[in-house]
């Protein structure tokens, strides 16, 4: 019984230590205001490129289409 308790206690201590190390490491890597500004700039650039691509695809589709009413 003592062996089981020692093994269980060791496993529990190892799990708590691992959790503490990961929590400490992640706290060191919290984002800064520059990170969120860079993320916003990247998102707006991506949206602009997507809008340009969408517009270009619409122009290509309409170029090959004949206007209605002109036979």
N, C-alpha and C. Protein backbone atom coordinates (compact mmCIF):
# COMPACT_ATOMS: atom_id res chain seq x y z
N UNK A 1 0.82 -1.19 0.00
CA UNK A 1 0.00 0.00 0.00
C UNK A 1 0.87 1.26 0.00
N UNK A 2 1.94 1.23 0.74
CA UNK A 2 2.84 2.38 0.80
C UNK A 2 3.44 2.67 -0.57
N UNK A 3 3.78 1.62 -1.31
CA UNK A 3 4.36 1.79 -2.64
C UNK A 3 3.37 2.48 -3.57
N UNK A 4 2.13 2.08 -3.50
CA UNK A 4 1.09 2.69 -4.34
C UNK A 4 0.95 4.17 -4.00
N UNK A 5 0.95 4.51 -2.72
CA UNK A 5 0.82 5.91 -2.32
C UNK A 5 2.04 6.73 -2.76
N UNK A 6 3.23 6.15 -2.69
CA UNK A 6 4.43 6.86 -3.12
C UNK A 6 4.39 7.09 -4.63
N UNK A 7 4.00 6.08 -5.38
CA UNK A 7 3.90 6.23 -6.84
C UNK A 7 2.84 7.26 -7.19
N UNK A 8 1.69 7.18 -6.54
CA UNK A 8 0.62 8.14 -6.81
C UNK A 8 1.04 9.56 -6.44
N UNK A 9 1.69 9.72 -5.32
CA UNK A 9 2.17 11.04 -4.89
C UNK A 9 3.21 11.60 -5.84
N UNK A 10 4.11 10.74 -6.31
CA UNK A 10 5.12 11.18 -7.26
C UNK A 10 4.49 11.62 -8.58
N UNK A 11 3.54 10.85 -9.06
CA UNK A 11 2.85 11.19 -10.30
C UNK A 11 2.09 12.51 -10.14
N UNK A 12 1.45 12.69 -9.01
CA UNK A 12 0.71 13.92 -8.76
C UNK A 12 1.66 15.11 -8.69
N UNK A 13 2.78 14.94 -7.99
CA UNK A 13 3.77 16.02 -7.90
C UNK A 13 4.33 16.37 -9.27
N UNK A 14 4.58 15.36 -10.10
CA UNK A 14 5.09 15.60 -11.45
C UNK A 14 4.06 16.35 -12.29
N UNK A 15 2.79 15.97 -12.18
CA UNK A 15 1.74 16.64 -12.94
C UNK A 15 1.59 18.09 -12.50
N UNK A 16 1.63 18.36 -11.22
CA UNK A 16 1.52 19.72 -10.72
C UNK A 16 2.71 20.55 -11.17
N UNK A 17 3.91 19.97 -11.12
CA UNK A 17 5.11 20.69 -11.56
C UNK A 17 5.03 21.01 -13.06
N UNK A 18 4.57 20.08 -13.85
CA UNK A 18 4.45 20.31 -15.29
C UNK A 18 3.43 21.42 -15.57
N UNK A 19 2.31 21.39 -14.87
CA UNK A 19 1.30 22.43 -15.03
C UNK A 19 1.86 23.79 -14.65
N UNK A 20 2.61 23.85 -13.57
CA UNK A 20 3.18 25.11 -13.11
C UNK A 20 4.20 25.65 -14.12
N UNK A 21 5.02 24.79 -14.68
CA UNK A 21 6.02 25.22 -15.65
C UNK A 21 5.34 25.76 -16.91
N UNK A 22 4.33 25.07 -17.40
CA UNK A 22 3.63 25.52 -18.61
C UNK A 22 2.90 26.83 -18.34
N UNK A 23 2.26 26.97 -17.20
CA UNK A 23 1.56 28.21 -16.86
C UNK A 23 2.55 29.37 -16.76
N UNK A 24 3.70 29.15 -16.16
CA UNK A 24 4.71 30.19 -16.04
C UNK A 24 5.26 30.59 -17.41
N UNK A 25 5.50 29.60 -18.26
CA UNK A 25 6.02 29.86 -19.60
C UNK A 25 5.02 30.66 -20.42
N UNK A 26 3.74 30.30 -20.34
CA UNK A 26 2.72 31.00 -21.12
C UNK A 26 2.51 32.42 -20.60
N UNK A 27 2.67 32.63 -19.32
CA UNK A 27 2.54 33.97 -18.77
C UNK A 27 3.64 34.88 -19.31
N UNK A 28 4.80 34.32 -19.57
CA UNK A 28 5.91 35.09 -20.12
C UNK A 28 5.66 35.50 -21.57
N UNK A 29 4.79 34.75 -22.27
CA UNK A 29 4.54 35.00 -23.70
C UNK A 29 3.23 35.72 -23.96
N UNK A 30 2.72 36.48 -23.03
CA UNK A 30 1.46 37.19 -23.27
C UNK A 30 1.68 38.23 -24.36
N UNK A 31 0.65 38.51 -25.12
CA UNK A 31 0.78 39.41 -26.25
C UNK A 31 0.90 40.85 -25.78
N UNK A 32 1.53 41.64 -26.61
CA UNK A 32 1.73 43.05 -26.35
C UNK A 32 0.82 43.86 -27.27
N UNK A 33 0.68 45.15 -27.03
CA UNK A 33 -0.14 45.97 -27.94
C UNK A 33 0.37 45.94 -29.38
N UNK A 34 1.70 45.81 -29.56
CA UNK A 34 2.23 45.74 -30.92
C UNK A 34 1.76 44.47 -31.62
N UNK A 35 1.63 43.36 -30.87
CA UNK A 35 1.16 42.12 -31.46
C UNK A 35 -0.26 42.25 -31.99
N UNK A 36 -1.13 42.87 -31.20
CA UNK A 36 -2.52 42.99 -31.65
C UNK A 36 -2.62 43.99 -32.81
N UNK A 37 -1.79 45.01 -32.82
CA UNK A 37 -1.80 45.95 -33.95
C UNK A 37 -1.32 45.25 -35.22
N UNK A 38 -0.31 44.42 -35.10
CA UNK A 38 0.19 43.68 -36.26
C UNK A 38 -0.87 42.70 -36.76
N UNK A 39 -1.59 42.07 -35.84
CA UNK A 39 -2.64 41.13 -36.23
C UNK A 39 -3.77 41.86 -36.97
N UNK A 40 -4.13 43.05 -36.49
CA UNK A 40 -5.17 43.83 -37.18
C UNK A 40 -4.71 44.25 -38.57
N UNK A 41 -3.46 44.67 -38.69
CA UNK A 41 -2.93 45.08 -39.99
C UNK A 41 -2.91 43.90 -40.96
N UNK A 42 -2.51 42.74 -40.47
CA UNK A 42 -2.47 41.55 -41.33
C UNK A 42 -3.88 41.15 -41.77
N UNK A 43 -4.84 41.24 -40.86
CA UNK A 43 -6.22 40.88 -41.21
C UNK A 43 -6.79 41.85 -42.25
N UNK A 44 -6.49 43.13 -42.11
CA UNK A 44 -7.03 44.09 -43.09
C UNK A 44 -6.38 43.89 -44.46
N UNK A 45 -5.08 43.58 -44.47
CA UNK A 45 -4.41 43.29 -45.74
C UNK A 45 -5.00 42.06 -46.40
N UNK A 46 -5.25 41.04 -45.61
CA UNK A 46 -5.84 39.81 -46.14
C UNK A 46 -7.23 40.07 -46.70
N UNK A 47 -8.03 40.86 -46.00
CA UNK A 47 -9.37 41.17 -46.48
C UNK A 47 -9.32 42.00 -47.78
N UNK A 48 -8.36 42.92 -47.87
CA UNK A 48 -8.23 43.72 -49.09
C UNK A 48 -7.85 42.85 -50.27
N UNK A 49 -6.90 41.94 -50.07
CA UNK A 49 -6.51 41.03 -51.16
C UNK A 49 -7.69 40.15 -51.58
N UNK A 50 -8.47 39.69 -50.61
CA UNK A 50 -9.63 38.85 -50.93
C UNK A 50 -10.66 39.65 -51.74
N UNK A 51 -10.86 40.91 -51.37
CA UNK A 51 -11.82 41.74 -52.10
C UNK A 51 -11.34 42.00 -53.53
N UNK A 52 -10.04 42.25 -53.69
CA UNK A 52 -9.50 42.46 -55.03
C UNK A 52 -9.63 41.20 -55.88
N UNK A 53 -9.35 40.06 -55.27
CA UNK A 53 -9.46 38.79 -55.99
C UNK A 53 -10.91 38.54 -56.40
N UNK A 54 -11.83 38.82 -55.49
CA UNK A 54 -13.24 38.62 -55.78
C UNK A 54 -13.69 39.53 -56.93
N UNK A 55 -13.25 40.79 -56.91
CA UNK A 55 -13.60 41.71 -57.98
C UNK A 55 -13.03 41.28 -59.31
N UNK A 56 -11.79 40.81 -59.31
CA UNK A 56 -11.16 40.36 -60.56
C UNK A 56 -11.89 39.14 -61.12
N UNK A 57 -12.31 38.25 -60.28
CA UNK A 57 -13.03 37.07 -60.74
C UNK A 57 -14.38 37.46 -61.32
N UNK A 58 -15.04 38.46 -60.74
CA UNK A 58 -16.32 38.92 -61.27
C UNK A 58 -16.16 39.56 -62.63
N UNK A 59 -15.07 40.32 -62.81
CA UNK A 59 -14.82 40.95 -64.11
C UNK A 59 -14.58 39.90 -65.19
N UNK A 60 -13.84 38.87 -64.88
CA UNK A 60 -13.56 37.81 -65.85
C UNK A 60 -14.85 37.10 -66.23
N UNK A 61 -15.69 36.83 -65.24
CA UNK A 61 -16.95 36.13 -65.51
C UNK A 61 -17.85 36.99 -66.39
N UNK A 62 -17.90 38.29 -66.14
CA UNK A 62 -18.80 39.15 -66.90
C UNK A 62 -18.26 39.45 -68.29
N UNK A 63 -16.95 39.42 -68.48
CA UNK A 63 -16.39 39.68 -69.80
C UNK A 63 -16.82 38.62 -70.81
N UNK A 64 -16.95 37.38 -70.40
CA UNK A 64 -17.33 36.32 -71.32
C UNK A 64 -18.82 36.19 -71.52
N UNK A 65 -19.59 37.03 -70.89
CA UNK A 65 -21.04 36.93 -70.93
C UNK A 65 -21.61 37.98 -71.89
N UNK A 66 -22.59 37.60 -72.68
CA UNK A 66 -23.22 38.58 -73.58
C UNK A 66 -24.31 39.31 -72.84
N UNK A 67 -24.45 40.60 -73.08
CA UNK A 67 -25.53 41.34 -72.42
C UNK A 67 -26.89 40.85 -72.87
N UNK A 68 -27.83 40.85 -71.97
CA UNK A 68 -29.18 40.37 -72.31
C UNK A 68 -29.85 41.37 -73.23
N UNK A 69 -30.58 40.88 -74.19
CA UNK A 69 -31.30 41.73 -75.12
C UNK A 69 -30.52 42.04 -76.39
N UNK A 70 -29.23 41.70 -76.44
CA UNK A 70 -28.49 41.91 -77.68
C UNK A 70 -28.21 40.56 -78.28
N UNK A 71 -28.91 40.18 -79.22
CA UNK A 71 -28.98 38.90 -79.82
C UNK A 71 -27.92 38.29 -80.49
